[in-house]
Amino acid sequence: MFIAISVGIFWYFGRWTVKLIRQHQNIYPLLYALEEEEKKERE
């Protein structure tokens, strides 16, 4: 019983972590684009 609960918790956190990693991978190009826009505005 205890093992089943702990496995469930680990599985839930694993899913949540994978979701966060995917969001970060999607965010890098956006951050780069924002930086480029700021550089253009400064010039």
N, C-alpha and C. Protein backbone atom coordinates (compact mmCIF):
# COMPACT_ATOMS: atom_id res chain seq x y z
N MET A 1 0.85 -1.21 0.00
CA MET A 1 0.00 0.00 0.00
C MET A 1 0.88 1.26 0.00
N PHE A 2 1.81 1.32 0.95
CA PHE A 2 2.70 2.49 1.05
C PHE A 2 3.53 2.65 -0.21
N ILE A 3 4.02 1.52 -0.75
CA ILE A 3 4.83 1.57 -1.98
C ILE A 3 3.99 2.10 -3.14
N ALA A 4 2.75 1.67 -3.23
CA ALA A 4 1.88 2.12 -4.32
C ALA A 4 1.67 3.63 -4.24
N ILE A 5 1.48 4.15 -3.07
CA ILE A 5 1.27 5.59 -2.89
C ILE A 5 2.53 6.36 -3.28
N SER A 6 3.70 5.88 -2.83
CA SER A 6 4.94 6.59 -3.15
C SER A 6 5.23 6.55 -4.65
N VAL A 7 4.94 5.43 -5.30
CA VAL A 7 5.12 5.33 -6.75
C VAL A 7 4.20 6.32 -7.45
N GLY A 8 2.97 6.44 -6.98
CA GLY A 8 2.03 7.39 -7.55
C GLY A 8 2.51 8.82 -7.42
N ILE A 9 3.06 9.15 -6.27
CA ILE A 9 3.57 10.51 -6.04
C ILE A 9 4.75 10.79 -6.96
N PHE A 10 5.69 9.82 -7.07
CA PHE A 10 6.84 10.00 -7.96
C PHE A 10 6.40 10.17 -9.40
N TRP A 11 5.41 9.39 -9.80
CA TRP A 11 4.90 9.46 -11.19
C TRP A 11 4.31 10.85 -11.44
N TYR A 12 3.54 11.36 -10.47
CA TYR A 12 2.92 12.67 -10.61
C TYR A 12 3.99 13.76 -10.74
N PHE A 13 5.01 13.72 -9.86
CA PHE A 13 6.07 14.72 -9.92
C PHE A 13 6.88 14.60 -11.20
N GLY A 14 7.08 13.38 -11.68
CA GLY A 14 7.79 13.18 -12.95
C GLY A 14 7.05 13.83 -14.10
N ARG A 15 5.74 13.65 -14.12
CA ARG A 15 4.92 14.26 -15.18
C ARG A 15 5.01 15.78 -15.12
N TRP A 16 4.94 16.32 -13.91
CA TRP A 16 4.99 17.77 -13.69
C TRP A 16 6.34 18.33 -14.13
N THR A 17 7.42 17.59 -13.81
CA THR A 17 8.76 18.02 -14.20
C THR A 17 8.91 18.03 -15.71
N VAL A 18 8.42 16.98 -16.38
CA VAL A 18 8.51 16.91 -17.84
C VAL A 18 7.75 18.08 -18.46
N LYS A 19 6.61 18.41 -17.88
CA LYS A 19 5.82 19.54 -18.40
C LYS A 19 6.61 20.85 -18.26
N LEU A 20 7.28 21.04 -17.11
CA LEU A 20 8.08 22.24 -16.90
C LEU A 20 9.23 22.32 -17.90
N ILE A 21 9.90 21.19 -18.12
CA ILE A 21 11.03 21.17 -19.06
C ILE A 21 10.55 21.54 -20.45
N ARG A 22 9.41 21.01 -20.87
CA ARG A 22 8.88 21.34 -22.19
C ARG A 22 8.58 22.83 -22.30
N GLN A 23 8.03 23.41 -21.25
CA GLN A 23 7.73 24.84 -21.27
C GLN A 23 9.01 25.65 -21.40
N HIS A 24 10.07 25.22 -20.71
CA HIS A 24 11.34 25.94 -20.79
C HIS A 24 11.92 25.86 -22.18
N GLN A 25 11.80 24.69 -22.80
CA GLN A 25 12.33 24.54 -24.16
C GLN A 25 11.57 25.45 -25.12
N ASN A 26 10.28 25.66 -24.86
CA ASN A 26 9.49 26.55 -25.71
C ASN A 26 9.81 28.01 -25.43
N ILE A 27 10.30 28.32 -24.24
CA ILE A 27 10.50 29.70 -23.81
C ILE A 27 11.80 30.30 -24.38
N TYR A 28 12.84 29.48 -24.58
CA TYR A 28 14.12 30.03 -25.02
C TYR A 28 14.05 30.83 -26.32
N PRO A 29 13.39 30.31 -27.37
CA PRO A 29 13.30 31.13 -28.59
C PRO A 29 12.56 32.44 -28.36
N LEU A 30 11.56 32.42 -27.49
CA LEU A 30 10.82 33.65 -27.19
C LEU A 30 11.71 34.67 -26.49
N LEU A 31 12.50 34.20 -25.52
CA LEU A 31 13.40 35.10 -24.81
C LEU A 31 14.42 35.68 -25.78
N TYR A 32 14.92 34.85 -26.68
CA TYR A 32 15.90 35.33 -27.66
C TYR A 32 15.27 36.41 -28.55
N ALA A 33 14.05 36.18 -29.00
CA ALA A 33 13.36 37.15 -29.85
C ALA A 33 13.16 38.47 -29.09
N LEU A 34 12.79 38.39 -27.82
CA LEU A 34 12.61 39.60 -27.02
C LEU A 34 13.91 40.37 -26.89
N GLU A 35 15.01 39.65 -26.67
CA GLU A 35 16.32 40.29 -26.54
C GLU A 35 16.69 41.01 -27.83
N GLU A 36 16.44 40.38 -28.94
CA GLU A 36 16.75 40.99 -30.24
C GLU A 36 15.94 42.28 -30.44
N GLU A 37 14.68 42.23 -30.05
CA GLU A 37 13.83 43.43 -30.18
C GLU A 37 14.38 44.58 -29.33
N GLU A 38 14.80 44.25 -28.10
CA GLU A 38 15.35 45.28 -27.21
C GLU A 38 16.63 45.88 -27.80
N LYS A 39 17.48 45.05 -28.40
CA LYS A 39 18.71 45.55 -29.01
C LYS A 39 18.39 46.53 -30.14
N LYS A 40 17.39 46.18 -30.95
CA LYS A 40 17.00 47.05 -32.06
C LYS A 40 16.51 48.40 -31.54
N GLU A 41 15.74 48.38 -30.46
CA GLU A 41 15.19 49.62 -29.91
C GLU A 41 16.30 50.52 -29.34
N ARG A 42 17.35 49.92 -28.79
CA ARG A 42 18.45 50.69 -28.20
C ARG A 42 19.27 51.40 -29.27
N GLU A 43 19.37 50.80 -30.44
CA GLU A 43 20.21 51.38 -31.51
C GLU A 43 19.61 52.62 -32.12
